[in-house]
Amino acid sequence: MAIKFQYNKIALQNLNKQLKIRLKALPTIKNKEAALRMEVKKAKDKTKELQQQLDIKIQTYSLEPGIWNEFIPDLTVIDKVITTTKKIAGVRIHILQDVIFHQKEFSLFNNPKWFPKGISIIKELAKIATEKEFFNRKMLLLDHARKKTTQKVNLYEKVQIPGYEDAIRKIKRFLEDEENLSKSAQKIVKNRRQKQEEGNK
C-alpha cells in the first residue's frame, strides 16, 4: 500500500500513531474472526442436523401415503413466528422463540379420527423447517460478517501495517541522513573558520 507522507517529524508522529492504532486493534479483530468462524460452523452443523431430522420425519410419515390424500392441506397454517434478537460477535441475529399456528375448525365426526394427529405432525414438521431456515439465515449472516472481518485482518496484516512500517523507516532514514549532513556541514564550516583564524594570525 502506497502511503502518502512527507519527510518530517510531524508526518513521522502521525504514522506512528496510525501504526499503534492498527497494532492494538489487530488482536481484537482476529478474536472476532475466530468467534465468527466458530459460530458459522455451529449454525451450519445445526442446519444440517435439522434437515436430517426433517428428512427422517417426512420419510416416516410418508409410509402411509393413503391417509394424506384425505387430509385438508390448509387446515393448519403458520400464523406468527415469534423471534428475539441477539448479538453474536457484533452481528445482530434473529433467534426463533416460537411458531404460532392458526387452525381452522373441522368436524371430528365428518373427518377421519387421525386428523388431530395429522395436525400435530404438520405442526411438528413446520416448526423444524422454520427453525432450520433461521439457522441457515444465521449461518449466512455470520459468514458474511466473517468474510468482511477476514478482509480487515488481511488489510491490516498484509497491507497497512507493513506500509506504515516502511514509511516510518524511510522517514527515519531521511531524517538521520539530514542530521548527518547538517553535522558534516557544521564541521566543514567550523574547520574553515579555524583555518581562516590560523591564517590571520
N, C-alpha and C. Protein backbone atom coordinates (compact mmCIF):
# COMPACT_ATOMS: atom_id res chain seq x y z
N MET A 1 0.85 -1.19 0.00
CA MET A 1 0.00 0.00 0.00
C MET A 1 0.89 1.24 0.00
N ALA A 2 0.68 2.10 -0.96
CA ALA A 2 1.46 3.33 -1.05
C ALA A 2 0.86 4.37 -0.12
N ILE A 3 1.56 4.64 0.96
CA ILE A 3 1.07 5.62 1.93
C ILE A 3 1.70 6.96 1.60
N LYS A 4 0.85 7.97 1.53
CA LYS A 4 1.34 9.32 1.22
C LYS A 4 1.87 9.94 2.51
N PHE A 5 3.07 10.46 2.45
CA PHE A 5 3.66 11.08 3.64
C PHE A 5 4.71 12.10 3.23
N GLN A 6 5.06 12.94 4.19
CA GLN A 6 6.11 13.93 3.96
C GLN A 6 7.30 13.56 4.86
N TYR A 7 8.48 13.98 4.43
CA TYR A 7 9.68 13.64 5.18
C TYR A 7 9.93 14.66 6.29
N ASN A 8 9.10 14.56 7.35
CA ASN A 8 9.32 15.44 8.50
C ASN A 8 8.84 14.75 9.79
N LYS A 9 9.13 15.38 10.92
CA LYS A 9 8.83 14.76 12.23
C LYS A 9 7.33 14.67 12.50
N ILE A 10 6.57 15.63 12.00
CA ILE A 10 5.11 15.61 12.21
C ILE A 10 4.51 14.40 11.49
N ALA A 11 4.94 14.17 10.26
CA ALA A 11 4.46 13.01 9.49
C ALA A 11 4.86 11.72 10.20
N LEU A 12 6.07 11.69 10.77
CA LEU A 12 6.55 10.51 11.50
C LEU A 12 5.68 10.23 12.71
N GLN A 13 5.31 11.27 13.45
CA GLN A 13 4.43 11.13 14.62
C GLN A 13 3.06 10.59 14.20
N ASN A 14 2.50 11.15 13.12
CA ASN A 14 1.18 10.71 12.63
C ASN A 14 1.19 9.25 12.19
N LEU A 15 2.25 8.85 11.48
CA LEU A 15 2.37 7.47 11.02
C LEU A 15 2.53 6.50 12.19
N ASN A 16 3.32 6.90 13.17
CA ASN A 16 3.49 6.07 14.38
C ASN A 16 2.17 5.88 15.12
N LYS A 17 1.38 6.96 15.16
CA LYS A 17 0.06 6.92 15.81
C LYS A 17 -0.86 5.95 15.06
N GLN A 18 -0.90 6.05 13.73
CA GLN A 18 -1.74 5.17 12.91
C GLN A 18 -1.32 3.71 13.05
N LEU A 19 0.00 3.48 13.09
CA LEU A 19 0.53 2.13 13.24
C LEU A 19 0.13 1.53 14.58
N LYS A 20 0.26 2.31 15.66
CA LYS A 20 -0.12 1.84 17.01
C LYS A 20 -1.60 1.47 17.06
N ILE A 21 -2.45 2.29 16.44
CA ILE A 21 -3.90 2.01 16.42
C ILE A 21 -4.17 0.65 15.80
N ARG A 22 -3.52 0.39 14.66
CA ARG A 22 -3.73 -0.87 13.94
C ARG A 22 -3.16 -2.07 14.68
N LEU A 23 -1.97 -1.89 15.26
CA LEU A 23 -1.35 -2.98 16.02
C LEU A 23 -2.18 -3.34 17.26
N LYS A 24 -2.80 -2.32 17.86
CA LYS A 24 -3.64 -2.54 19.04
C LYS A 24 -4.97 -3.21 18.65
N ALA A 25 -5.51 -2.82 17.50
CA ALA A 25 -6.82 -3.34 17.06
C ALA A 25 -6.74 -4.76 16.48
N LEU A 26 -5.59 -5.12 15.93
CA LEU A 26 -5.45 -6.40 15.22
C LEU A 26 -5.83 -7.63 16.06
N PRO A 27 -5.35 -7.78 17.31
CA PRO A 27 -5.74 -8.97 18.09
C PRO A 27 -7.25 -9.06 18.33
N THR A 28 -7.90 -7.90 18.54
CA THR A 28 -9.36 -7.88 18.75
C THR A 28 -10.08 -8.34 17.50
N ILE A 29 -9.64 -7.85 16.34
CA ILE A 29 -10.27 -8.23 15.07
C ILE A 29 -10.06 -9.72 14.80
N LYS A 30 -8.86 -10.22 15.14
CA LYS A 30 -8.57 -11.65 14.95
C LYS A 30 -9.46 -12.52 15.85
N ASN A 31 -9.68 -12.06 17.09
CA ASN A 31 -10.57 -12.78 18.02
C ASN A 31 -12.00 -12.80 17.50
N LYS A 32 -12.42 -11.65 16.94
CA LYS A 32 -13.77 -11.57 16.37
C LYS A 32 -13.90 -12.55 15.20
N GLU A 33 -12.88 -12.61 14.36
CA GLU A 33 -12.90 -13.51 13.21
C GLU A 33 -13.00 -14.97 13.66
N ALA A 34 -12.22 -15.33 14.69
CA ALA A 34 -12.23 -16.71 15.23
C ALA A 34 -13.61 -17.05 15.81
N ALA A 35 -14.20 -16.09 16.55
CA ALA A 35 -15.52 -16.29 17.15
C ALA A 35 -16.59 -16.48 16.07
N LEU A 36 -16.52 -15.64 15.03
CA LEU A 36 -17.48 -15.74 13.92
C LEU A 36 -17.33 -17.07 13.18
N ARG A 37 -16.08 -17.49 12.96
CA ARG A 37 -15.81 -18.77 12.27
C ARG A 37 -16.46 -19.94 13.04
N MET A 38 -16.30 -19.89 14.37
CA MET A 38 -16.86 -20.94 15.23
C MET A 38 -18.39 -20.94 15.19
N GLU A 39 -18.97 -19.74 15.25
CA GLU A 39 -20.44 -19.60 15.23
C GLU A 39 -21.02 -20.03 13.87
N VAL A 40 -20.30 -19.75 12.78
CA VAL A 40 -20.74 -20.16 11.44
C VAL A 40 -20.79 -21.69 11.38
N LYS A 41 -19.75 -22.34 11.93
CA LYS A 41 -19.69 -23.80 11.92
C LYS A 41 -20.85 -24.39 12.73
N LYS A 42 -21.11 -23.80 13.91
CA LYS A 42 -22.22 -24.27 14.77
C LYS A 42 -23.55 -24.17 14.03
N ALA A 43 -23.78 -23.01 13.39
CA ALA A 43 -25.04 -22.78 12.67
C ALA A 43 -25.17 -23.73 11.48
N LYS A 44 -24.05 -23.98 10.78
CA LYS A 44 -24.05 -24.89 9.64
C LYS A 44 -24.37 -26.32 10.08
N ASP A 45 -23.73 -26.75 11.18
CA ASP A 45 -23.98 -28.09 11.72
C ASP A 45 -25.43 -28.26 12.16
N LYS A 46 -25.97 -27.21 12.80
CA LYS A 46 -27.37 -27.25 13.28
C LYS A 46 -28.33 -27.30 12.09
N THR A 47 -28.03 -26.55 11.02
CA THR A 47 -28.86 -26.57 9.81
C THR A 47 -28.89 -27.97 9.22
N LYS A 48 -27.73 -28.61 9.12
CA LYS A 48 -27.65 -29.98 8.60
C LYS A 48 -28.44 -30.95 9.46
N GLU A 49 -28.26 -30.81 10.78
CA GLU A 49 -28.94 -31.69 11.75
C GLU A 49 -30.46 -31.57 11.60
N LEU A 50 -30.96 -30.34 11.49
CA LEU A 50 -32.41 -30.12 11.36
C LEU A 50 -32.93 -30.64 10.02
N GLN A 51 -32.12 -30.51 8.96
CA GLN A 51 -32.51 -31.03 7.65
C GLN A 51 -32.63 -32.56 7.70
N GLN A 52 -31.67 -33.21 8.36
CA GLN A 52 -31.71 -34.67 8.51
C GLN A 52 -32.93 -35.09 9.32
N GLN A 53 -33.19 -34.35 10.40
CA GLN A 53 -34.35 -34.61 11.25
C GLN A 53 -35.63 -34.51 10.42
N LEU A 54 -35.71 -33.46 9.62
CA LEU A 54 -36.88 -33.22 8.77
C LEU A 54 -37.05 -34.34 7.75
N ASP A 55 -35.95 -34.73 7.10
CA ASP A 55 -35.99 -35.80 6.10
C ASP A 55 -36.47 -37.13 6.70
N ILE A 56 -35.95 -37.45 7.89
CA ILE A 56 -36.33 -38.71 8.56
C ILE A 56 -37.82 -38.70 8.90
N LYS A 57 -38.29 -37.57 9.45
CA LYS A 57 -39.71 -37.47 9.85
C LYS A 57 -40.62 -37.53 8.63
N ILE A 58 -40.24 -36.83 7.56
CA ILE A 58 -41.06 -36.86 6.33
C ILE A 58 -41.12 -38.28 5.79
N GLN A 59 -39.98 -38.97 5.80
CA GLN A 59 -39.92 -40.36 5.31
C GLN A 59 -40.80 -41.27 6.17
N THR A 60 -40.74 -41.07 7.48
CA THR A 60 -41.54 -41.88 8.42
C THR A 60 -43.03 -41.67 8.18
N TYR A 61 -43.43 -40.40 8.05
CA TYR A 61 -44.86 -40.09 7.89
C TYR A 61 -45.39 -40.39 6.49
N SER A 62 -44.46 -40.49 5.52
CA SER A 62 -44.93 -40.76 4.15
C SER A 62 -45.10 -42.26 3.87
N LEU A 63 -44.85 -43.05 4.91
CA LEU A 63 -45.04 -44.50 4.73
C LEU A 63 -46.52 -44.87 4.58
N GLU A 64 -47.38 -43.98 5.04
CA GLU A 64 -48.82 -44.20 4.89
C GLU A 64 -49.40 -43.12 3.99
N PRO A 65 -49.07 -43.15 2.70
CA PRO A 65 -49.49 -42.07 1.80
C PRO A 65 -51.00 -41.99 1.61
N GLY A 66 -51.70 -43.08 1.78
CA GLY A 66 -53.16 -43.11 1.58
C GLY A 66 -53.89 -42.16 2.49
N ILE A 67 -53.44 -42.09 3.74
CA ILE A 67 -54.16 -41.23 4.70
C ILE A 67 -53.99 -39.75 4.37
N TRP A 68 -52.85 -39.37 3.79
CA TRP A 68 -52.60 -37.95 3.50
C TRP A 68 -53.47 -37.46 2.34
N ASN A 69 -53.99 -38.37 1.54
CA ASN A 69 -54.88 -37.96 0.44
C ASN A 69 -56.18 -37.37 0.97
N GLU A 70 -56.59 -37.81 2.16
CA GLU A 70 -57.84 -37.31 2.77
C GLU A 70 -57.64 -36.02 3.56
N PHE A 71 -56.40 -35.69 3.85
CA PHE A 71 -56.11 -34.55 4.72
C PHE A 71 -56.31 -33.23 3.99
N ILE A 72 -56.83 -32.23 4.70
CA ILE A 72 -57.05 -30.90 4.13
C ILE A 72 -55.77 -30.08 4.36
N PRO A 73 -55.03 -29.71 3.29
CA PRO A 73 -53.71 -29.09 3.44
C PRO A 73 -53.69 -27.79 4.25
N ASP A 74 -54.70 -26.91 4.06
CA ASP A 74 -54.67 -25.61 4.75
C ASP A 74 -55.46 -25.63 6.06
N LEU A 75 -55.60 -26.82 6.64
CA LEU A 75 -56.32 -26.95 7.91
C LEU A 75 -55.57 -26.22 9.03
N THR A 76 -54.25 -26.28 8.98
CA THR A 76 -53.43 -25.55 9.95
C THR A 76 -52.30 -24.83 9.19
N VAL A 77 -52.14 -23.54 9.47
CA VAL A 77 -51.10 -22.75 8.81
C VAL A 77 -50.35 -21.93 9.86
N ILE A 78 -49.12 -21.54 9.51
CA ILE A 78 -48.33 -20.70 10.43
C ILE A 78 -48.95 -19.31 10.45
N ASP A 79 -49.29 -18.86 11.66
CA ASP A 79 -49.92 -17.55 11.83
C ASP A 79 -48.87 -16.49 12.18
N LYS A 80 -47.93 -16.88 13.06
CA LYS A 80 -46.95 -15.91 13.54
C LYS A 80 -45.68 -16.63 13.97
N VAL A 81 -44.55 -15.99 13.69
CA VAL A 81 -43.26 -16.51 14.14
C VAL A 81 -42.71 -15.51 15.15
N ILE A 82 -42.49 -15.96 16.37
CA ILE A 82 -42.01 -15.08 17.44
C ILE A 82 -40.48 -15.20 17.53
N THR A 83 -39.83 -14.05 17.46
CA THR A 83 -38.37 -14.03 17.50
C THR A 83 -37.84 -13.02 18.52
N THR A 84 -36.58 -13.20 18.86
CA THR A 84 -35.86 -12.19 19.64
C THR A 84 -34.57 -11.93 18.88
N THR A 85 -33.88 -10.86 19.25
CA THR A 85 -32.60 -10.60 18.59
C THR A 85 -31.47 -10.75 19.60
N LYS A 86 -30.34 -11.17 19.07
CA LYS A 86 -29.16 -11.41 19.90
C LYS A 86 -27.95 -10.96 19.09
N LYS A 87 -26.96 -10.41 19.78
CA LYS A 87 -25.73 -10.01 19.09
C LYS A 87 -24.68 -11.10 19.29
N ILE A 88 -24.15 -11.58 18.17
CA ILE A 88 -23.07 -12.56 18.20
C ILE A 88 -21.86 -11.92 17.52
N ALA A 89 -20.81 -11.70 18.31
CA ALA A 89 -19.59 -11.05 17.81
C ALA A 89 -19.91 -9.76 17.03
N GLY A 90 -20.85 -8.98 17.58
CA GLY A 90 -21.21 -7.69 16.98
C GLY A 90 -22.22 -7.75 15.85
N VAL A 91 -22.72 -8.96 15.55
CA VAL A 91 -23.70 -9.13 14.45
C VAL A 91 -25.07 -9.42 15.06
N ARG A 92 -26.07 -8.62 14.67
CA ARG A 92 -27.43 -8.81 15.19
C ARG A 92 -28.12 -9.97 14.44
N ILE A 93 -28.56 -10.96 15.22
CA ILE A 93 -29.16 -12.18 14.67
C ILE A 93 -30.56 -12.37 15.26
N HIS A 94 -31.51 -12.82 14.43
CA HIS A 94 -32.85 -13.16 14.91
C HIS A 94 -32.85 -14.60 15.42
N ILE A 95 -33.36 -14.79 16.63
CA ILE A 95 -33.43 -16.11 17.24
C ILE A 95 -34.90 -16.52 17.34
N LEU A 96 -35.21 -17.73 16.87
CA LEU A 96 -36.59 -18.24 16.89
C LEU A 96 -37.01 -18.57 18.31
N GLN A 97 -38.14 -18.02 18.74
CA GLN A 97 -38.68 -18.32 20.07
C GLN A 97 -39.82 -19.33 19.97
N ASP A 98 -40.76 -19.05 19.06
CA ASP A 98 -41.93 -19.94 18.93
C ASP A 98 -42.61 -19.75 17.57
N VAL A 99 -43.34 -20.77 17.19
CA VAL A 99 -44.12 -20.72 15.96
C VAL A 99 -45.58 -20.88 16.36
N ILE A 100 -46.40 -19.88 16.03
CA ILE A 100 -47.83 -19.91 16.38
C ILE A 100 -48.63 -20.30 15.14
N PHE A 101 -49.54 -21.23 15.31
CA PHE A 101 -50.33 -21.74 14.19
C PHE A 101 -51.77 -21.25 14.28
N HIS A 102 -52.38 -21.11 13.10
CA HIS A 102 -53.81 -20.83 13.02
C HIS A 102 -54.47 -22.10 12.52
N GLN A 103 -55.46 -22.57 13.26
CA GLN A 103 -56.12 -23.82 12.89
C GLN A 103 -57.59 -23.57 12.57
N LYS A 104 -58.00 -24.08 11.43
CA LYS A 104 -59.41 -23.95 11.03
C LYS A 104 -60.25 -24.97 11.80
N GLU A 105 -61.50 -24.59 11.95
CA GLU A 105 -62.45 -25.52 12.60
C GLU A 105 -62.71 -26.71 11.66
N PHE A 106 -62.82 -27.88 12.25
CA PHE A 106 -63.21 -29.05 11.46
C PHE A 106 -64.01 -30.00 12.33
N SER A 107 -64.82 -30.79 11.68
CA SER A 107 -65.69 -31.72 12.40
C SER A 107 -64.97 -33.05 12.63
N LEU A 108 -64.96 -33.49 13.87
CA LEU A 108 -64.35 -34.78 14.21
C LEU A 108 -65.23 -35.94 13.72
N PHE A 109 -66.54 -35.66 13.55
CA PHE A 109 -67.47 -36.71 13.10
C PHE A 109 -67.41 -36.93 11.60
N ASN A 110 -67.22 -35.84 10.83
CA ASN A 110 -67.23 -35.94 9.36
C ASN A 110 -65.85 -36.23 8.75
N ASN A 111 -64.80 -36.23 9.58
CA ASN A 111 -63.44 -36.47 9.10
C ASN A 111 -62.82 -37.67 9.81
N PRO A 112 -61.76 -38.24 9.22
CA PRO A 112 -61.12 -39.40 9.85
C PRO A 112 -60.61 -39.09 11.25
N LYS A 113 -60.57 -40.09 12.10
CA LYS A 113 -60.19 -39.89 13.51
C LYS A 113 -58.71 -39.53 13.68
N TRP A 114 -57.89 -39.74 12.65
CA TRP A 114 -56.46 -39.43 12.75
C TRP A 114 -56.14 -37.96 12.43
N PHE A 115 -57.15 -37.16 12.08
CA PHE A 115 -56.94 -35.74 11.75
C PHE A 115 -56.18 -34.97 12.84
N PRO A 116 -56.57 -35.09 14.13
CA PRO A 116 -55.82 -34.36 15.18
C PRO A 116 -54.33 -34.73 15.18
N LYS A 117 -54.03 -36.03 14.98
CA LYS A 117 -52.63 -36.45 14.92
C LYS A 117 -51.96 -35.86 13.67
N GLY A 118 -52.69 -35.85 12.57
CA GLY A 118 -52.17 -35.27 11.33
C GLY A 118 -51.81 -33.81 11.51
N ILE A 119 -52.65 -33.08 12.25
CA ILE A 119 -52.39 -31.66 12.53
C ILE A 119 -51.11 -31.51 13.35
N SER A 120 -50.95 -32.35 14.39
CA SER A 120 -49.74 -32.25 15.22
C SER A 120 -48.48 -32.61 14.42
N ILE A 121 -48.61 -33.54 13.45
CA ILE A 121 -47.48 -33.90 12.58
C ILE A 121 -47.09 -32.71 11.70
N ILE A 122 -48.10 -32.06 11.10
CA ILE A 122 -47.86 -30.88 10.24
C ILE A 122 -47.18 -29.77 11.05
N LYS A 123 -47.66 -29.55 12.28
CA LYS A 123 -47.06 -28.51 13.14
C LYS A 123 -45.60 -28.84 13.45
N GLU A 124 -45.35 -30.10 13.76
CA GLU A 124 -44.00 -30.54 14.10
C GLU A 124 -43.05 -30.32 12.92
N LEU A 125 -43.48 -30.71 11.72
CA LEU A 125 -42.66 -30.54 10.52
C LEU A 125 -42.43 -29.06 10.20
N ALA A 126 -43.49 -28.26 10.36
CA ALA A 126 -43.38 -26.82 10.08
C ALA A 126 -42.42 -26.15 11.06
N LYS A 127 -42.44 -26.57 12.33
CA LYS A 127 -41.53 -26.00 13.34
C LYS A 127 -40.08 -26.32 13.01
N ILE A 128 -39.84 -27.57 12.64
CA ILE A 128 -38.46 -27.98 12.30
C ILE A 128 -37.98 -27.21 11.06
N ALA A 129 -38.85 -27.12 10.05
CA ALA A 129 -38.49 -26.41 8.81
C ALA A 129 -38.21 -24.93 9.07
N THR A 130 -39.02 -24.31 9.94
CA THR A 130 -38.84 -22.90 10.28
C THR A 130 -37.53 -22.69 11.04
N GLU A 131 -37.27 -23.57 12.02
CA GLU A 131 -36.04 -23.48 12.81
C GLU A 131 -34.81 -23.66 11.91
N LYS A 132 -34.90 -24.60 10.96
CA LYS A 132 -33.81 -24.84 10.02
C LYS A 132 -33.53 -23.58 9.20
N GLU A 133 -34.60 -22.92 8.74
CA GLU A 133 -34.47 -21.70 7.94
C GLU A 133 -33.79 -20.59 8.75
N PHE A 134 -34.12 -20.50 10.05
CA PHE A 134 -33.50 -19.49 10.92
C PHE A 134 -32.00 -19.74 11.08
N PHE A 135 -31.64 -21.01 11.29
CA PHE A 135 -30.21 -21.35 11.44
C PHE A 135 -29.46 -21.13 10.13
N ASN A 136 -30.13 -21.39 9.01
CA ASN A 136 -29.50 -21.17 7.71
C ASN A 136 -29.23 -19.67 7.48
N ARG A 137 -30.20 -18.83 7.85
CA ARG A 137 -30.03 -17.37 7.73
C ARG A 137 -28.92 -16.87 8.66
N LYS A 138 -28.92 -17.44 9.88
CA LYS A 138 -27.89 -17.10 10.87
C LYS A 138 -26.51 -17.41 10.30
N MET A 139 -26.38 -18.59 9.70
CA MET A 139 -25.12 -19.02 9.11
C MET A 139 -24.67 -18.04 8.01
N LEU A 140 -25.60 -17.65 7.13
CA LEU A 140 -25.27 -16.76 6.02
C LEU A 140 -24.86 -15.37 6.51
N LEU A 141 -25.58 -14.84 7.48
CA LEU A 141 -25.27 -13.51 8.03
C LEU A 141 -23.90 -13.51 8.73
N LEU A 142 -23.66 -14.53 9.55
CA LEU A 142 -22.39 -14.61 10.27
C LEU A 142 -21.22 -14.85 9.32
N ASP A 143 -21.46 -15.65 8.27
CA ASP A 143 -20.40 -15.92 7.30
C ASP A 143 -20.04 -14.66 6.52
N HIS A 144 -21.05 -13.85 6.21
CA HIS A 144 -20.81 -12.57 5.52
C HIS A 144 -19.96 -11.66 6.42
N ALA A 145 -20.31 -11.60 7.70
CA ALA A 145 -19.56 -10.77 8.66
C ALA A 145 -18.14 -11.32 8.83
N ARG A 146 -18.01 -12.65 8.83
CA ARG A 146 -16.69 -13.27 8.97
C ARG A 146 -15.78 -12.90 7.79
N LYS A 147 -16.35 -12.95 6.58
CA LYS A 147 -15.58 -12.62 5.37
C LYS A 147 -15.08 -11.17 5.43
N LYS A 148 -15.96 -10.26 5.88
CA LYS A 148 -15.57 -8.85 5.99
C LYS A 148 -14.47 -8.68 7.04
N THR A 149 -14.58 -9.42 8.14
CA THR A 149 -13.59 -9.35 9.21
C THR A 149 -12.25 -9.91 8.73
N THR A 150 -12.30 -11.01 7.97
CA THR A 150 -11.08 -11.61 7.41
C THR A 150 -10.39 -10.61 6.47
N GLN A 151 -11.19 -9.91 5.67
CA GLN A 151 -10.64 -8.89 4.77
C GLN A 151 -9.92 -7.79 5.56
N LYS A 152 -10.53 -7.40 6.69
CA LYS A 152 -9.93 -6.35 7.52
C LYS A 152 -8.62 -6.84 8.14
N VAL A 153 -8.62 -8.10 8.62
CA VAL A 153 -7.39 -8.69 9.19
C VAL A 153 -6.29 -8.68 8.13
N ASN A 154 -6.62 -9.14 6.92
CA ASN A 154 -5.65 -9.17 5.82
C ASN A 154 -5.16 -7.77 5.45
N LEU A 155 -6.10 -6.82 5.43
CA LEU A 155 -5.74 -5.43 5.11
C LEU A 155 -4.73 -4.89 6.12
N TYR A 156 -5.01 -5.13 7.42
CA TYR A 156 -4.10 -4.66 8.47
C TYR A 156 -2.76 -5.39 8.41
N GLU A 157 -2.83 -6.73 8.37
CA GLU A 157 -1.62 -7.57 8.47
C GLU A 157 -0.72 -7.48 7.24
N LYS A 158 -1.34 -7.54 6.07
CA LYS A 158 -0.55 -7.67 4.84
C LYS A 158 -0.35 -6.36 4.08
N VAL A 159 -1.17 -5.35 4.38
CA VAL A 159 -1.08 -4.11 3.60
C VAL A 159 -0.73 -2.91 4.48
N GLN A 160 -1.62 -2.56 5.40
CA GLN A 160 -1.45 -1.29 6.13
C GLN A 160 -0.27 -1.29 7.10
N ILE A 161 -0.18 -2.32 7.96
CA ILE A 161 0.90 -2.35 8.95
C ILE A 161 2.27 -2.35 8.26
N PRO A 162 2.51 -3.25 7.27
CA PRO A 162 3.82 -3.18 6.58
C PRO A 162 4.03 -1.84 5.86
N GLY A 163 2.94 -1.26 5.33
CA GLY A 163 3.03 0.03 4.63
C GLY A 163 3.46 1.15 5.57
N TYR A 164 2.85 1.20 6.76
CA TYR A 164 3.22 2.22 7.75
C TYR A 164 4.64 2.00 8.25
N GLU A 165 5.01 0.74 8.51
CA GLU A 165 6.37 0.44 8.97
C GLU A 165 7.41 0.88 7.94
N ASP A 166 7.13 0.62 6.67
CA ASP A 166 8.04 1.00 5.59
C ASP A 166 8.18 2.53 5.50
N ALA A 167 7.04 3.23 5.60
CA ALA A 167 7.05 4.71 5.53
C ALA A 167 7.82 5.29 6.71
N ILE A 168 7.62 4.72 7.90
CA ILE A 168 8.32 5.19 9.11
C ILE A 168 9.83 5.00 8.94
N ARG A 169 10.22 3.83 8.42
CA ARG A 169 11.64 3.53 8.18
C ARG A 169 12.25 4.57 7.22
N LYS A 170 11.54 4.86 6.14
CA LYS A 170 12.04 5.82 5.14
C LYS A 170 12.22 7.22 5.74
N ILE A 171 11.22 7.65 6.52
CA ILE A 171 11.31 8.99 7.14
C ILE A 171 12.48 9.04 8.12
N LYS A 172 12.62 7.98 8.94
CA LYS A 172 13.72 7.94 9.92
C LYS A 172 15.08 8.02 9.22
N ARG A 173 15.23 7.24 8.15
CA ARG A 173 16.48 7.26 7.38
C ARG A 173 16.75 8.66 6.82
N PHE A 174 15.70 9.26 6.26
CA PHE A 174 15.83 10.60 5.68
C PHE A 174 16.25 11.61 6.74
N LEU A 175 15.58 11.55 7.92
CA LEU A 175 15.89 12.50 8.99
C LEU A 175 17.30 12.27 9.53
N GLU A 176 17.70 10.99 9.62
CA GLU A 176 19.08 10.67 10.07
C GLU A 176 20.10 11.21 9.06
N ASP A 177 19.82 10.96 7.78
CA ASP A 177 20.72 11.46 6.72
C ASP A 177 20.81 12.98 6.76
N GLU A 178 19.68 13.62 6.95
CA GLU A 178 19.62 15.08 7.01
C GLU A 178 20.44 15.61 8.20
N GLU A 179 20.31 14.90 9.33
CA GLU A 179 21.04 15.28 10.54
C GLU A 179 22.56 15.09 10.34
N ASN A 180 22.93 13.96 9.72
CA ASN A 180 24.35 13.69 9.44
C ASN A 180 24.94 14.73 8.49
N LEU A 181 24.16 15.10 7.46
CA LEU A 181 24.61 16.12 6.51
C LEU A 181 24.80 17.46 7.20
N SER A 182 23.84 17.75 8.09
CA SER A 182 23.89 19.02 8.83
C SER A 182 25.13 19.05 9.72
N LYS A 183 25.42 17.91 10.40
CA LYS A 183 26.60 17.83 11.27
C LYS A 183 27.88 17.96 10.45
N SER A 184 27.88 17.27 9.29
CA SER A 184 29.06 17.35 8.40
C SER A 184 29.27 18.77 7.91
N ALA A 185 28.19 19.44 7.54
CA ALA A 185 28.27 20.84 7.06
C ALA A 185 28.79 21.74 8.16
N GLN A 186 28.33 21.49 9.39
CA GLN A 186 28.78 22.29 10.53
C GLN A 186 30.28 22.10 10.78
N LYS A 187 30.74 20.84 10.64
CA LYS A 187 32.17 20.53 10.82
C LYS A 187 33.02 21.25 9.76
N ILE A 188 32.53 21.20 8.52
CA ILE A 188 33.25 21.85 7.40
C ILE A 188 33.36 23.35 7.66
N VAL A 189 32.25 23.96 8.07
CA VAL A 189 32.22 25.40 8.36
C VAL A 189 33.17 25.71 9.51
N LYS A 190 33.14 24.86 10.55
CA LYS A 190 33.99 25.05 11.73
C LYS A 190 35.47 24.96 11.34
N ASN A 191 35.81 23.94 10.51
CA ASN A 191 37.20 23.75 10.05
C ASN A 191 37.68 24.94 9.22
N ARG A 192 36.83 25.46 8.35
CA ARG A 192 37.18 26.63 7.52
C ARG A 192 37.49 27.84 8.39
N ARG A 193 36.62 28.06 9.40
CA ARG A 193 36.80 29.20 10.31
C ARG A 193 38.14 29.08 11.04
N GLN A 194 38.41 27.83 11.51
CA GLN A 194 39.66 27.61 12.23
C GLN A 194 40.86 27.91 11.34
N LYS A 195 40.79 27.43 10.08
CA LYS A 195 41.88 27.67 9.12
C LYS A 195 42.06 29.17 8.83
N GLN A 196 40.90 29.86 8.69
CA GLN A 196 40.94 31.30 8.42
C GLN A 196 41.57 32.05 9.59
N GLU A 197 41.17 31.64 10.80
CA GLU A 197 41.68 32.27 12.01
C GLU A 197 43.19 32.05 12.13
N GLU A 198 43.60 30.78 11.80
CA GLU A 198 45.04 30.46 11.86
C GLU A 198 45.81 31.24 10.80
N GLY A 199 45.20 31.43 9.64
CA GLY A 199 45.85 32.19 8.54
C GLY A 199 45.96 33.66 8.86
N ASN A 200 45.06 34.21 9.65
CA ASN A 200 45.05 35.63 10.01
C ASN A 200 46.10 35.94 11.08
N LYS A 201 46.54 34.93 11.79
CA LYS A 201 47.50 35.18 12.88
C LYS A 201 48.87 35.53 12.37
